[in-house]
């Protein structure tokens, strides 16, 4: 797949490419343009300027006036709402696409039964959509999308409307189906688990542009944008590269490993894990190169650990992770004045996104 979607009134200018059989996870804040891009690729939205090619077929080329209707693209768009036909039973919903494509009733029935079995929904074949739970409806919607034999599958927040018990089951099922079917797919999501379970590659869209692109491993272990860092649960300080680290936009400096850094003066980020941040009530002594006075902004707990988010003059926000016992001993509460330290060896400096 090769696509460029430009919608000036929404500030969107996004280019994406994807090889056959690969899955791309797309992240970004609300309003970044993710759903707009899926709409342009699927043909539901007609952008002012666009080029979409899937395989050898050009589906949209506004420069030459080519716009293949959405129903003829062989691109399936699966949104949060399953949008099943309420007047048809489950099997008939799945049969609809192959029947519309000219398949015989017998062929369509065979396709529907195979796919309902693949998504573990065969037992619901004769039910109406109104009799399905959210997770069951999502599985049927996936079967219906696959029944169209799409060359490209687009999934817009497929797990967002599901409860915490149903979402992991559907995620596992979707991963199995995508691997077995070798489908090329784009998954828009806010959940890093979707990327880990489903995707080969990650793209981060922010402000209507792709600001970061790479393998799932690279983006989540060495993020180059603030949004990707927040997904990965890492601290990130933006600024310009120095000989020893990064000078932050606000003027402070973070020292770190510069082996992968750009040249001095170029845009760079310093990345480190919250667990690498030590918290003190008094100024620490010893070897750490990065020592900052900070004011605690918030304190949250998760799985026996406490995350402290603090504001550091000249740097911005830094998150630290400590044990519950340490948080109690240090009396870490909002507005507490603390000292943070990070060893330079724990800080990685990378080129900034974009």
C-alpha atoms as a PDB file:
ATOM      1  CA  UNK A   1       0.000   0.000   0.000  1.00  0.00           C
ATOM      2  CA  UNK A   2       1.064   3.533  -0.729  1.00  0.00           C
ATOM      3  CA  UNK A   3      -1.083   6.445   0.398  1.00  0.00           C
ATOM      4  CA  UNK A   4      -0.965  10.202   0.809  1.00  0.00           C
ATOM      5  CA  UNK A   5      -3.977  11.961   2.289  1.00  0.00           C
ATOM      6  CA  UNK A   6      -4.142  15.770   2.353  1.00  0.00           C
ATOM      7  CA  UNK A   7      -7.055  17.600   4.010  1.00  0.00           C
ATOM      8  CA  UNK A   8      -5.983  21.248   4.472  1.00  0.00           C
ATOM      9  CA  UNK A   9      -9.032  22.297   6.503  1.00  0.00           C
ATOM     10  CA  UNK A  10      -8.141  19.631   9.078  1.00  0.00           C
ATOM     11  CA  UNK A  11      -4.403  20.278   8.882  1.00  0.00           C
ATOM     12  CA  UNK A  12      -3.745  16.741   7.641  1.00  0.00           C
ATOM     13  CA  UNK A  13      -0.919  15.775   5.282  1.00  0.00           C
ATOM     14  CA  UNK A  14      -0.031  12.144   5.929  1.00  0.00           C
ATOM     15  CA  UNK A  15       1.928   9.652   3.833  1.00  0.00           C
ATOM     16  CA  UNK A  16       1.953   5.947   4.687  1.00  0.00           C
ATOM     17  CA  UNK A  17       3.288   2.838   2.983  1.00  0.00           C
ATOM     18  CA  UNK A  18       2.961  -0.813   3.889  1.00  0.00           C
ATOM     19  CA  UNK A  19       4.218  -4.067   2.387  1.00  0.00           C
ATOM     20  CA  UNK A  20       1.897  -7.045   1.706  1.00  0.00           C
ATOM     21  CA  UNK A  21       1.179  -9.159   4.776  1.00  0.00           C
ATOM     22  CA  UNK A  22       2.385  -6.483   7.200  1.00  0.00           C
ATOM     23  CA  UNK A  23       0.405  -4.798   9.974  1.00  0.00           C
ATOM     24  CA  UNK A  24       0.890  -1.126  10.856  1.00  0.00           C
ATOM     25  CA  UNK A  25      -0.289   0.322  14.179  1.00  0.00           C
ATOM     26  CA  UNK A  26      -1.085   4.041  14.047  1.00  0.00           C
ATOM     27  CA  UNK A  27      -0.980   6.090  17.237  1.00  0.00           C
ATOM     28  CA  UNK A  28      -1.604   9.735  17.950  1.00  0.00           C
ATOM     29  CA  UNK A  29      -3.496  12.113  20.224  1.00  0.00           C
ATOM     30  CA  UNK A  30      -7.174  12.836  19.686  1.00  0.00           C
ATOM     31  CA  UNK A  31      -7.686  15.096  16.691  1.00  0.00           C
ATOM     32  CA  UNK A  32      -4.319  14.223  15.149  1.00  0.00           C
ATOM     33  CA  UNK A  33      -5.904  13.021  11.892  1.00  0.00           C
ATOM     34  CA  UNK A  34      -5.828   9.236  12.283  1.00  0.00           C
ATOM     35  CA  UNK A  35      -9.466   8.556  11.402  1.00  0.00           C
ATOM     36  CA  UNK A  36      -9.296  11.113   8.592  1.00  0.00           C
ATOM     37  CA  UNK A  37      -6.470   9.110   7.028  1.00  0.00           C
ATOM     38  CA  UNK A  38      -8.444   5.853   7.267  1.00  0.00           C
ATOM     39  CA  UNK A  39     -11.446   7.575   5.706  1.00  0.00           C
ATOM     40  CA  UNK A  40      -9.312   8.772   2.802  1.00  0.00           C
ATOM     41  CA  UNK A  41      -7.785   5.347   2.207  1.00  0.00           C
ATOM     42  CA  UNK A  42     -11.130   3.535   2.407  1.00  0.00           C
ATOM     43  CA  UNK A  43     -12.894   5.973   0.092  1.00  0.00           C
ATOM     44  CA  UNK A  44     -15.455   7.033   2.701  1.00  0.00           C
ATOM     45  CA  UNK A  45     -13.837  10.483   2.691  1.00  0.00           C
ATOM     46  CA  UNK A  46     -12.841  12.306  -0.500  1.00  0.00           C
ATOM     47  CA  UNK A  47      -9.820  14.466   0.344  1.00  0.00           C
ATOM     48  CA  UNK A  48      -8.880  17.547  -1.634  1.00  0.00           C
ATOM     49  CA  UNK A  49      -5.586  15.883  -2.533  1.00  0.00           C
ATOM     50  CA  UNK A  50      -4.906  12.164  -2.288  1.00  0.00           C
ATOM     51  CA  UNK A  51      -3.123   9.204  -3.800  1.00  0.00           C
ATOM     52  CA  UNK A  52      -3.959   5.656  -2.732  1.00  0.00           C
ATOM     53  CA  UNK A  53      -2.547   2.506  -4.288  1.00  0.00           C
ATOM     54  CA  UNK A  54      -3.113  -1.010  -2.967  1.00  0.00           C
ATOM     55  CA  UNK A  55      -1.104  -3.620  -4.817  1.00  0.00           C
ATOM     56  CA  UNK A  56      -1.158  -2.676  -8.492  1.00  0.00           C
ATOM     57  CA  UNK A  57      -4.521  -0.872  -8.272  1.00  0.00           C
ATOM     58  CA  UNK A  58      -4.655   2.901  -8.005  1.00  0.00           C
ATOM     59  CA  UNK A  59      -7.762   3.621  -5.947  1.00  0.00           C
ATOM     60  CA  UNK A  60      -7.421   7.383  -5.655  1.00  0.00           C
ATOM     61  CA  UNK A  61      -5.372   9.841  -7.656  1.00  0.00           C
ATOM     62  CA  UNK A  62      -6.888  13.294  -7.440  1.00  0.00           C
ATOM     63  CA  UNK A  63      -4.247  14.645  -9.816  1.00  0.00           C
ATOM     64  CA  UNK A  64      -5.664  12.514 -12.644  1.00  0.00           C
ATOM     65  CA  UNK A  65      -9.267  12.318 -11.448  1.00  0.00           C
ATOM     66  CA  UNK A  66      -9.214   8.659 -10.390  1.00  0.00           C
ATOM     67  CA  UNK A  67     -11.568   7.845  -7.500  1.00  0.00           C
ATOM     68  CA  UNK A  68     -12.679   4.226  -7.136  1.00  0.00           C
ATOM     69  CA  UNK A  69     -15.924   4.029  -5.100  1.00  0.00           C
ATOM     70  CA  UNK A  70     -15.545   2.682  -1.574  1.00  0.00           C
ATOM     71  CA  UNK A  71     -17.541  -0.491  -2.286  1.00  0.00           C
ATOM     72  CA  UNK A  72     -15.240  -1.433  -5.183  1.00  0.00           C
ATOM     73  CA  UNK A  73     -11.890  -0.870  -3.474  1.00  0.00           C
ATOM     74  CA  UNK A  74     -11.578  -4.220  -1.689  1.00  0.00           C
ATOM     75  CA  UNK A  75     -10.607  -2.212   1.363  1.00  0.00           C
ATOM     76  CA  UNK A  76     -12.523  -3.089   4.536  1.00  0.00           C
ATOM     77  CA  UNK A  77     -12.985  -0.473   7.268  1.00  0.00           C
ATOM     78  CA  UNK A  78     -13.855  -1.857  10.696  1.00  0.00           C
ATOM     79  CA  UNK A  79     -14.788   0.802  13.262  1.00  0.00           C
ATOM     80  CA  UNK A  80     -15.620   0.691  16.991  1.00  0.00           C
ATOM     81  CA  UNK A  81     -19.316   0.254  16.215  1.00  0.00           C
ATOM     82  CA  UNK A  82     -19.794  -3.145  14.494  1.00  0.00           C
ATOM     83  CA  UNK A  83     -22.614  -1.673  12.323  1.00  0.00           C
ATOM     84  CA  UNK A  84     -24.189  -5.081  11.699  1.00  0.00           C
ATOM     85  CA  UNK A  85     -27.421  -5.167   9.711  1.00  0.00           C
ATOM     86  CA  UNK A  86     -30.087  -5.466  12.433  1.00  0.00           C
ATOM     87  CA  UNK A  87     -32.657  -7.180  10.183  1.00  0.00           C
ATOM     88  CA  UNK A  88     -30.284 -10.022   9.188  1.00  0.00           C
ATOM     89  CA  UNK A  89     -29.004 -12.852  11.338  1.00  0.00           C
ATOM     90  CA  UNK A  90     -25.278 -13.278  11.926  1.00  0.00           C
ATOM     91  CA  UNK A  91     -24.700 -15.695   9.050  1.00  0.00           C
ATOM     92  CA  UNK A  92     -26.574 -13.467   6.598  1.00  0.00           C
ATOM     93  CA  UNK A  93     -24.521 -10.470   7.741  1.00  0.00           C
ATOM     94  CA  UNK A  94     -21.315 -12.315   6.852  1.00  0.00           C
ATOM     95  CA  UNK A  95     -22.783 -13.658   3.594  1.00  0.00           C
ATOM     96  CA  UNK A  96     -23.696 -10.160   2.451  1.00  0.00           C
ATOM     97  CA  UNK A  97     -20.292  -9.179   0.996  1.00  0.00           C
ATOM     98  CA  UNK A  98     -19.652 -12.329  -1.079  1.00  0.00           C
ATOM     99  CA  UNK A  99     -23.265 -12.301  -2.316  1.00  0.00           C
ATOM    100  CA  UNK A 100     -22.873  -8.646  -3.337  1.00  0.00           C
ATOM    101  CA  UNK A 101     -19.716  -9.636  -5.221  1.00  0.00           C
ATOM    102  CA  UNK A 102     -21.665 -12.178  -7.290  1.00  0.00           C
ATOM    103  CA  UNK A 103     -20.945 -15.388  -5.367  1.00  0.00           C
ATOM    104  CA  UNK A 104     -23.653 -18.035  -5.335  1.00  0.00           C
ATOM    105  CA  UNK A 105     -25.720 -18.578  -2.210  1.00  0.00           C
ATOM    106  CA  UNK A 106     -23.886 -21.847  -1.584  1.00  0.00           C
ATOM    107  CA  UNK A 107     -20.451 -20.245  -1.969  1.00  0.00           C
ATOM    108  CA  UNK A 108     -21.413 -17.342   0.294  1.00  0.00           C
ATOM    109  CA  UNK A 109     -22.715 -19.773   2.922  1.00  0.00           C
ATOM    110  CA  UNK A 110     -19.414 -21.677   2.840  1.00  0.00           C
ATOM    111  CA  UNK A 111     -17.379 -18.473   3.218  1.00  0.00           C
ATOM    112  CA  UNK A 112     -19.569 -17.289   6.102  1.00  0.00           C
ATOM    113  CA  UNK A 113     -19.391 -20.587   7.972  1.00  0.00           C
ATOM    114  CA  UNK A 114     -15.597 -20.784   7.569  1.00  0.00           C
ATOM    115  CA  UNK A 115     -15.046 -17.244   8.839  1.00  0.00           C
ATOM    116  CA  UNK A 116     -17.518 -17.509  11.706  1.00  0.00           C
ATOM    117  CA  UNK A 117     -15.646 -20.604  12.797  1.00  0.00           C
ATOM    118  CA  UNK A 118     -12.323 -18.748  12.428  1.00  0.00           C
ATOM    119  CA  UNK A 119     -13.473 -15.965  14.769  1.00  0.00           C
ATOM    120  CA  UNK A 120     -15.085 -18.416  17.207  1.00  0.00           C
ATOM    121  CA  UNK A 121     -18.611 -17.188  16.453  1.00  0.00           C
ATOM    122  CA  UNK A 122     -20.176 -20.178  14.673  1.00  0.00           C
ATOM    123  CA  UNK A 123     -22.605 -20.768  17.538  1.00  0.00           C
ATOM    124  CA  UNK A 124     -24.157 -17.337  16.930  1.00  0.00           C
ATOM    125  CA  UNK A 125     -24.926 -17.940  13.239  1.00  0.00           C
ATOM    126  CA  UNK A 126     -28.708 -17.782  13.583  1.00  0.00           C
ATOM    127  CA  UNK A 127     -28.872 -14.959  16.129  1.00  0.00           C
ATOM    128  CA  UNK A 128     -29.823 -11.388  15.347  1.00  0.00           C
ATOM    129  CA  UNK A 129     -27.265  -8.661  16.214  1.00  0.00           C
ATOM    130  CA  UNK A 130     -29.511  -7.423  19.035  1.00  0.00           C
ATOM    131  CA  UNK A 131     -28.923 -10.738  20.842  1.00  0.00           C
ATOM    132  CA  UNK A 132     -25.111 -10.389  20.805  1.00  0.00           C
ATOM    133  CA  UNK A 133     -22.798  -8.983  23.454  1.00  0.00           C
ATOM    134  CA  UNK A 134     -20.265  -6.318  22.492  1.00  0.00           C
ATOM    135  CA  UNK A 135     -17.467  -8.843  22.146  1.00  0.00           C
ATOM    136  CA  UNK A 136     -19.608 -11.235  20.119  1.00  0.00           C
ATOM    137  CA  UNK A 137     -20.701  -8.448  17.770  1.00  0.00           C
ATOM    138  CA  UNK A 138     -17.066  -7.379  17.307  1.00  0.00           C
ATOM    139  CA  UNK A 139     -16.104 -10.924  16.278  1.00  0.00           C
ATOM    140  CA  UNK A 140     -18.973 -11.105  13.797  1.00  0.00           C
ATOM    141  CA  UNK A 141     -18.010  -7.704  12.372  1.00  0.00           C
ATOM    142  CA  UNK A 142     -14.465  -8.987  11.834  1.00  0.00           C
ATOM    143  CA  UNK A 143     -15.800 -12.064  10.019  1.00  0.00           C
ATOM    144  CA  UNK A 144     -18.007  -9.855   7.842  1.00  0.00           C
ATOM    145  CA  UNK A 145     -15.046  -7.617   6.963  1.00  0.00           C
ATOM    146  CA  UNK A 146     -12.915 -10.623   6.001  1.00  0.00           C
ATOM    147  CA  UNK A 147     -15.773 -12.091   3.939  1.00  0.00           C
ATOM    148  CA  UNK A 148     -15.269  -9.278   1.441  1.00  0.00           C
ATOM    149  CA  UNK A 149     -11.764 -10.723   0.836  1.00  0.00           C
ATOM    150  CA  UNK A 150     -10.171  -7.281   1.264  1.00  0.00           C
ATOM    151  CA  UNK A 151      -6.690  -6.551  -0.008  1.00  0.00           C
ATOM    152  CA  UNK A 152      -6.371  -4.104   2.893  1.00  0.00           C
ATOM    153  CA  UNK A 153      -8.034  -4.200   6.308  1.00  0.00           C
ATOM    154  CA  UNK A 154      -8.445  -0.916   8.219  1.00  0.00           C
ATOM    155  CA  UNK A 155      -9.315  -1.112  11.918  1.00  0.00           C
ATOM    156  CA  UNK A 156     -10.283   2.080  13.760  1.00  0.00           C
ATOM    157  CA  UNK A 157      -9.948   1.579  17.541  1.00  0.00           C
ATOM    158  CA  UNK A 158     -11.261  -2.013  17.328  1.00  0.00           C
ATOM    159  CA  UNK A 159     -10.965  -2.657  21.081  1.00  0.00           C
ATOM    160  CA  UNK A 160     -12.005   0.756  22.408  1.00  0.00           C
ATOM    161  CA  UNK A 161     -15.671  -0.053  23.057  1.00  0.00           C
ATOM    162  CA  UNK A 162     -15.010  -3.438  24.694  1.00  0.00           C
ATOM    163  CA  UNK A 163     -14.734  -4.182  28.409  1.00  0.00           C
ATOM    164  CA  UNK A 164     -11.455  -5.143  30.072  1.00  0.00           C
ATOM    165  CA  UNK A 165     -12.259  -8.863  29.911  1.00  0.00           C
ATOM    166  CA  UNK A 166     -13.435  -8.959  26.293  1.00  0.00           C
ATOM    167  CA  UNK A 167     -10.722  -6.775  24.727  1.00  0.00           C
ATOM    168  CA  UNK A 168      -7.786  -9.163  25.422  1.00  0.00           C
ATOM    169  CA  UNK A 169      -9.738 -12.091  23.949  1.00  0.00           C
ATOM    170  CA  UNK A 170     -10.556 -10.183  20.764  1.00  0.00           C
ATOM    171  CA  UNK A 171      -6.972  -8.933  20.519  1.00  0.00           C
ATOM    172  CA  UNK A 172      -5.650 -12.504  20.672  1.00  0.00           C
ATOM    173  CA  UNK A 173      -8.226 -13.629  18.116  1.00  0.00           C
ATOM    174  CA  UNK A 174      -7.435 -10.750  15.778  1.00  0.00           C
ATOM    175  CA  UNK A 175      -3.696 -11.467  15.985  1.00  0.00           C
ATOM    176  CA  UNK A 176      -4.324 -15.110  15.086  1.00  0.00           C
ATOM    177  CA  UNK A 177      -6.598 -14.219  12.158  1.00  0.00           C
ATOM    178  CA  UNK A 178      -4.205 -11.622  10.738  1.00  0.00           C
ATOM    179  CA  UNK A 179      -1.295 -14.069  10.889  1.00  0.00           C
ATOM    180  CA  UNK A 180      -3.284 -16.925   9.371  1.00  0.00           C
ATOM    181  CA  UNK A 181      -4.878 -14.832   6.627  1.00  0.00           C
ATOM    182  CA  UNK A 182      -1.643 -12.865   5.945  1.00  0.00           C
ATOM    183  CA  UNK A 183      -3.725  -9.709   5.639  1.00  0.00           C
ATOM    184  CA  UNK A 184      -2.215  -6.297   5.130  1.00  0.00           C
ATOM    185  CA  UNK A 185      -3.773  -4.153   7.856  1.00  0.00           C
ATOM    186  CA  UNK A 186      -3.665  -0.698   9.431  1.00  0.00           C
ATOM    187  CA  UNK A 187      -4.795  -0.523  13.063  1.00  0.00           C
ATOM    188  CA  UNK A 188      -5.557   2.860  14.630  1.00  0.00           C
ATOM    189  CA  UNK A 189      -5.326   2.541  18.404  1.00  0.00           C
ATOM    190  CA  UNK A 190      -4.501   4.225  21.713  1.00  0.00           C
ATOM    191  CA  UNK A 191      -3.451   0.972  23.380  1.00  0.00           C
ATOM    192  CA  UNK A 192       0.185  -0.076  23.225  1.00  0.00           C
ATOM    193  CA  UNK A 193      -0.943  -3.696  23.734  1.00  0.00           C
ATOM    194  CA  UNK A 194      -2.533  -3.587  20.275  1.00  0.00           C
ATOM    195  CA  UNK A 195       0.840  -2.719  18.758  1.00  0.00           C
ATOM    196  CA  UNK A 196       2.647  -5.426  20.708  1.00  0.00           C
ATOM    197  CA  UNK A 197       0.085  -8.117  19.828  1.00  0.00           C
ATOM    198  CA  UNK A 198      -0.872  -7.175  16.276  1.00  0.00           C
ATOM    199  CA  UNK A 199       1.647  -4.949  14.529  1.00  0.00           C
ATOM    200  CA  UNK A 200       4.976  -5.230  12.770  1.00  0.00           C
ATOM    201  CA  UNK A 201       5.446  -1.474  12.490  1.00  0.00           C
ATOM    202  CA  UNK A 202       4.295   1.702  14.231  1.00  0.00           C
ATOM    203  CA  UNK A 203       3.527   5.187  12.924  1.00  0.00           C
ATOM    204  CA  UNK A 204       2.844   8.148  15.216  1.00  0.00           C
ATOM    205  CA  UNK A 205       0.648  10.927  13.806  1.00  0.00           C
ATOM    206  CA  UNK A 206       0.594  14.289  15.566  1.00  0.00           C
ATOM    207  CA  UNK A 207      -0.665  17.595  14.259  1.00  0.00           C
ATOM    208  CA  UNK A 208      -1.726  15.974  10.991  1.00  0.00           C
ATOM    209  CA  UNK A 209       1.779  14.685  10.183  1.00  0.00           C
ATOM    210  CA  UNK A 210       3.685  11.435  10.665  1.00  0.00           C
ATOM    211  CA  UNK A 211       6.260  12.371  13.299  1.00  0.00           C
ATOM    212  CA  UNK A 212       7.678   8.917  13.924  1.00  0.00           C
ATOM    213  CA  UNK A 213       7.798   5.609  12.050  1.00  0.00           C
ATOM    214  CA  UNK A 214       9.633   2.359  12.699  1.00  0.00           C
ATOM    215  CA  UNK A 215       9.413  -1.175  14.022  1.00  0.00           C
ATOM    216  CA  UNK A 216       7.334  -1.753  17.143  1.00  0.00           C
ATOM    217  CA  UNK A 217      10.525  -2.500  19.077  1.00  0.00           C
ATOM    218  CA  UNK A 218      12.369   0.626  17.957  1.00  0.00           C
ATOM    219  CA  UNK A 219       9.518   3.064  18.550  1.00  0.00           C
ATOM    220  CA  UNK A 220       8.641   1.705  21.984  1.00  0.00           C
ATOM    221  CA  UNK A 221      12.197   1.260  23.264  1.00  0.00           C
ATOM    222  CA  UNK A 222      13.750   4.361  21.690  1.00  0.00           C
ATOM    223  CA  UNK A 223      10.904   6.853  21.140  1.00  0.00           C
ATOM    224  CA  UNK A 224      11.681  10.140  19.423  1.00  0.00           C
ATOM    225  CA  UNK A 225       8.420  11.961  20.170  1.00  0.00           C
ATOM    226  CA  UNK A 226       6.643  12.854  23.383  1.00  0.00           C
ATOM    227  CA  UNK A 227       3.539  10.884  22.431  1.00  0.00           C
ATOM    228  CA  UNK A 228       5.491   7.690  21.699  1.00  0.00           C
ATOM    229  CA  UNK A 229       7.384   8.099  24.974  1.00  0.00           C
ATOM    230  CA  UNK A 230       4.120   8.374  26.902  1.00  0.00           C
ATOM    231  CA  UNK A 231       2.879   5.189  25.211  1.00  0.00           C
ATOM    232  CA  UNK A 232       6.031   3.351  26.177  1.00  0.00           C
ATOM    233  CA  UNK A 233       5.924   4.708  29.735  1.00  0.00           C
ATOM    234  CA  UNK A 234       9.259   6.509  29.362  1.00  0.00           C
ATOM    235  CA  UNK A 235      10.504   9.974  30.266  1.00  0.00           C
ATOM    236  CA  UNK A 236      11.472  12.156  27.320  1.00  0.00           C
ATOM    237  CA  UNK A 237      13.163  15.569  27.313  1.00  0.00           C
ATOM    238  CA  UNK A 238      13.127  17.503  24.037  1.00  0.00           C
ATOM    239  CA  UNK A 239      15.783  20.002  23.002  1.00  0.00           C
ATOM    240  CA  UNK A 240      19.006  20.230  21.013  1.00  0.00           C
ATOM    241  CA  UNK A 241      21.999  17.929  21.127  1.00  0.00           C
ATOM    242  CA  UNK A 242      25.145  18.940  22.988  1.00  0.00           C
ATOM    243  CA  UNK A 243      28.495  17.194  23.276  1.00  0.00           C
ATOM    244  CA  UNK A 244      27.291  15.448  26.441  1.00  0.00           C
ATOM    245  CA  UNK A 245      23.524  15.150  26.060  1.00  0.00           C
ATOM    246  CA  UNK A 246      20.520  17.406  25.430  1.00  0.00           C
ATOM    247  CA  UNK A 247      19.870  21.045  26.256  1.00  0.00           C
ATOM    248  CA  UNK A 248      16.130  21.247  26.906  1.00  0.00           C
ATOM    249  CA  UNK A 249      13.865  23.795  25.251  1.00  0.00           C
ATOM    250  CA  UNK A 250      13.402  25.435  28.671  1.00  0.00           C
ATOM    251  CA  UNK A 251      17.173  25.750  29.146  1.00  0.00           C
ATOM    252  CA  UNK A 252      18.085  22.866  31.440  1.00  0.00           C
ATOM    253  CA  UNK A 253      20.504  20.116  30.436  1.00  0.00           C
ATOM    254  CA  UNK A 254      20.376  16.328  30.624  1.00  0.00           C
ATOM    255  CA  UNK A 255      23.583  14.316  30.307  1.00  0.00           C
ATOM    256  CA  UNK A 256      23.448  10.900  28.666  1.00  0.00           C
ATOM    257  CA  UNK A 257      24.782   8.351  26.191  1.00  0.00           C
ATOM    258  CA  UNK A 258      25.344  10.245  22.930  1.00  0.00           C
ATOM    259  CA  UNK A 259      26.470   7.294  20.796  1.00  0.00           C
ATOM    260  CA  UNK A 260      23.231   7.514  18.755  1.00  0.00           C
ATOM    261  CA  UNK A 261      22.811  11.271  19.043  1.00  0.00           C
ATOM    262  CA  UNK A 262      22.742  13.753  16.147  1.00  0.00           C
ATOM    263  CA  UNK A 263      25.381  16.455  15.846  1.00  0.00           C
ATOM    264  CA  UNK A 264      25.544  19.274  18.405  1.00  0.00           C
ATOM    265  CA  UNK A 265      22.861  21.891  17.787  1.00  0.00           C
ATOM    266  CA  UNK A 266      20.489  19.483  16.028  1.00  0.00           C
ATOM    267  CA  UNK A 267      17.058  18.566  17.408  1.00  0.00           C
ATOM    268  CA  UNK A 268      17.353  15.686  19.875  1.00  0.00           C
ATOM    269  CA  UNK A 269      15.593  13.912  22.736  1.00  0.00           C
ATOM    270  CA  UNK A 270      16.875  12.369  25.957  1.00  0.00           C
ATOM    271  CA  UNK A 271      14.982   9.210  26.958  1.00  0.00           C
ATOM    272  CA  UNK A 272      15.070   7.270  30.218  1.00  0.00           C
ATOM    273  CA  UNK A 273      12.842   4.969  32.258  1.00  0.00           C
ATOM    274  CA  UNK A 274      10.984   6.262  35.340  1.00  0.00           C
ATOM    275  CA  UNK A 275      12.460   3.376  37.326  1.00  0.00           C
ATOM    276  CA  UNK A 276      15.931   4.829  36.600  1.00  0.00           C
ATOM    277  CA  UNK A 277      15.010   8.023  38.466  1.00  0.00           C
ATOM    278  CA  UNK A 278      15.994   8.112  42.142  1.00  0.00           C
ATOM    279  CA  UNK A 279      14.011  10.349  44.503  1.00  0.00           C
ATOM    280  CA  UNK A 280      15.439  12.119  47.567  1.00  0.00           C
ATOM    281  CA  UNK A 281      14.209  14.631  50.106  1.00  0.00           C
ATOM    282  CA  UNK A 282      17.655  16.221  50.362  1.00  0.00           C
ATOM    283  CA  UNK A 283      20.205  16.938  47.643  1.00  0.00           C
ATOM    284  CA  UNK A 284      22.039  13.668  46.869  1.00  0.00           C
ATOM    285  CA  UNK A 285      25.794  13.231  46.914  1.00  0.00           C
ATOM    286  CA  UNK A 286      27.813  10.957  44.660  1.00  0.00           C
ATOM    287  CA  UNK A 287      28.283  10.277  40.967  1.00  0.00           C
ATOM    288  CA  UNK A 288      24.966  10.997  39.170  1.00  0.00           C
ATOM    289  CA  UNK A 289      25.465  13.666  36.486  1.00  0.00           C
ATOM    290  CA  UNK A 290      21.779  14.546  36.384  1.00  0.00           C
ATOM    291  CA  UNK A 291      20.463  16.019  39.637  1.00  0.00           C
ATOM    292  CA  UNK A 292      17.336  18.198  39.633  1.00  0.00           C
ATOM    293  CA  UNK A 293      15.284  20.027  42.234  1.00  0.00           C
ATOM    294  CA  UNK A 294      11.620  19.226  41.623  1.00  0.00           C
ATOM    295  CA  UNK A 295       8.085  19.790  42.854  1.00  0.00           C
ATOM    296  CA  UNK A 296       5.779  16.758  43.010  1.00  0.00           C
ATOM    297  CA  UNK A 297       2.687  17.291  40.853  1.00  0.00           C
ATOM    298  CA  UNK A 298       0.877  13.952  41.212  1.00  0.00           C
ATOM    299  CA  UNK A 299       1.228  10.554  42.868  1.00  0.00           C
ATOM    300  CA  UNK A 300      -0.406   7.391  41.479  1.00  0.00           C
ATOM    301  CA  UNK A 301      -0.133   3.709  42.340  1.00  0.00           C
ATOM    302  CA  UNK A 302      -0.101   0.632  40.126  1.00  0.00           C
ATOM    303  CA  UNK A 303       0.826  -2.988  40.818  1.00  0.00           C
ATOM    304  CA  UNK A 304       2.630  -2.197  44.063  1.00  0.00           C
ATOM    305  CA  UNK A 305       4.659   0.692  42.655  1.00  0.00           C
ATOM    306  CA  UNK A 306       4.156   4.432  42.956  1.00  0.00           C
ATOM    307  CA  UNK A 307       4.643   6.838  40.043  1.00  0.00           C
ATOM    308  CA  UNK A 308       5.591  10.378  41.004  1.00  0.00           C
ATOM    309  CA  UNK A 309       5.245  13.069  38.350  1.00  0.00           C
ATOM    310  CA  UNK A 310       7.278  16.139  39.172  1.00  0.00           C
ATOM    311  CA  UNK A 311       7.966  19.498  37.559  1.00  0.00           C
ATOM    312  CA  UNK A 312      11.619  20.446  37.081  1.00  0.00           C
ATOM    313  CA  UNK A 313      12.576  24.022  36.209  1.00  0.00           C
ATOM    314  CA  UNK A 314      14.377  24.155  32.877  1.00  0.00           C
ATOM    315  CA  UNK A 315      13.458  20.552  32.019  1.00  0.00           C
ATOM    316  CA  UNK A 316       9.697  20.021  32.278  1.00  0.00           C
ATOM    317  CA  UNK A 317       7.913  16.998  33.708  1.00  0.00           C
ATOM    318  CA  UNK A 318       9.795  13.915  34.903  1.00  0.00           C
ATOM    319  CA  UNK A 319       8.140  10.729  36.142  1.00  0.00           C
ATOM    320  CA  UNK A 320       9.836   8.519  38.717  1.00  0.00           C
ATOM    321  CA  UNK A 321       8.799   5.037  39.826  1.00  0.00           C
ATOM    322  CA  UNK A 322       9.469   3.922  43.401  1.00  0.00           C
ATOM    323  CA  UNK A 323       8.161   1.260  45.756  1.00  0.00           C
ATOM    324  CA  UNK A 324       5.188   1.998  47.972  1.00  0.00           C
ATOM    325  CA  UNK A 325       7.476   1.693  51.001  1.00  0.00           C
ATOM    326  CA  UNK A 326       9.870   4.315  49.610  1.00  0.00           C
ATOM    327  CA  UNK A 327       7.009   6.675  48.776  1.00  0.00           C
ATOM    328  CA  UNK A 328       5.716   6.378  52.333  1.00  0.00           C
ATOM    329  CA  UNK A 329       9.135   6.869  53.910  1.00  0.00           C
ATOM    330  CA  UNK A 330       9.854   9.948  51.756  1.00  0.00           C
ATOM    331  CA  UNK A 331       6.360  11.345  52.371  1.00  0.00           C
ATOM    332  CA  UNK A 332       5.810  11.853  48.648  1.00  0.00           C
ATOM    333  CA  UNK A 333       2.626  13.870  48.223  1.00  0.00           C
ATOM    334  CA  UNK A 334       1.585  16.569  45.738  1.00  0.00           C
ATOM    335  CA  UNK A 335       3.562  19.817  46.173  1.00  0.00           C
ATOM    336  CA  UNK A 336       6.345  18.073  48.104  1.00  0.00           C
ATOM    337  CA  UNK A 337       9.794  19.461  47.254  1.00  0.00           C
ATOM    338  CA  UNK A 338      12.198  16.693  46.237  1.00  0.00           C
ATOM    339  CA  UNK A 339      15.444  15.980  44.411  1.00  0.00           C
ATOM    340  CA  UNK A 340      15.637  13.663  41.419  1.00  0.00           C
ATOM    341  CA  UNK A 341      18.759  12.008  40.064  1.00  0.00           C
ATOM    342  CA  UNK A 342      19.405   9.917  36.960  1.00  0.00           C
ATOM    343  CA  UNK A 343      22.696   8.273  36.064  1.00  0.00           C
ATOM    344  CA  UNK A 344      24.007   9.400  32.688  1.00  0.00           C
ATOM    345  CA  UNK A 345      24.381   5.746  31.681  1.00  0.00           C
ATOM    346  CA  UNK A 346      20.586   5.348  32.002  1.00  0.00           C
ATOM    347  CA  UNK A 347      19.863   8.183  29.547  1.00  0.00           C
ATOM    348  CA  UNK A 348      19.805   7.556  25.781  1.00  0.00           C
ATOM    349  CA  UNK A 349      20.044  10.493  23.368  1.00  0.00           C
ATOM    350  CA  UNK A 350      18.365  10.127  19.946  1.00  0.00           C
ATOM    351  CA  UNK A 351      17.467  12.387  17.023  1.00  0.00           C
ATOM    352  CA  UNK A 352      14.090  14.045  17.594  1.00  0.00           C
ATOM    353  CA  UNK A 353      11.038  12.941  15.619  1.00  0.00           C
ATOM    354  CA  UNK A 354      10.175  14.659  12.368  1.00  0.00           C
END
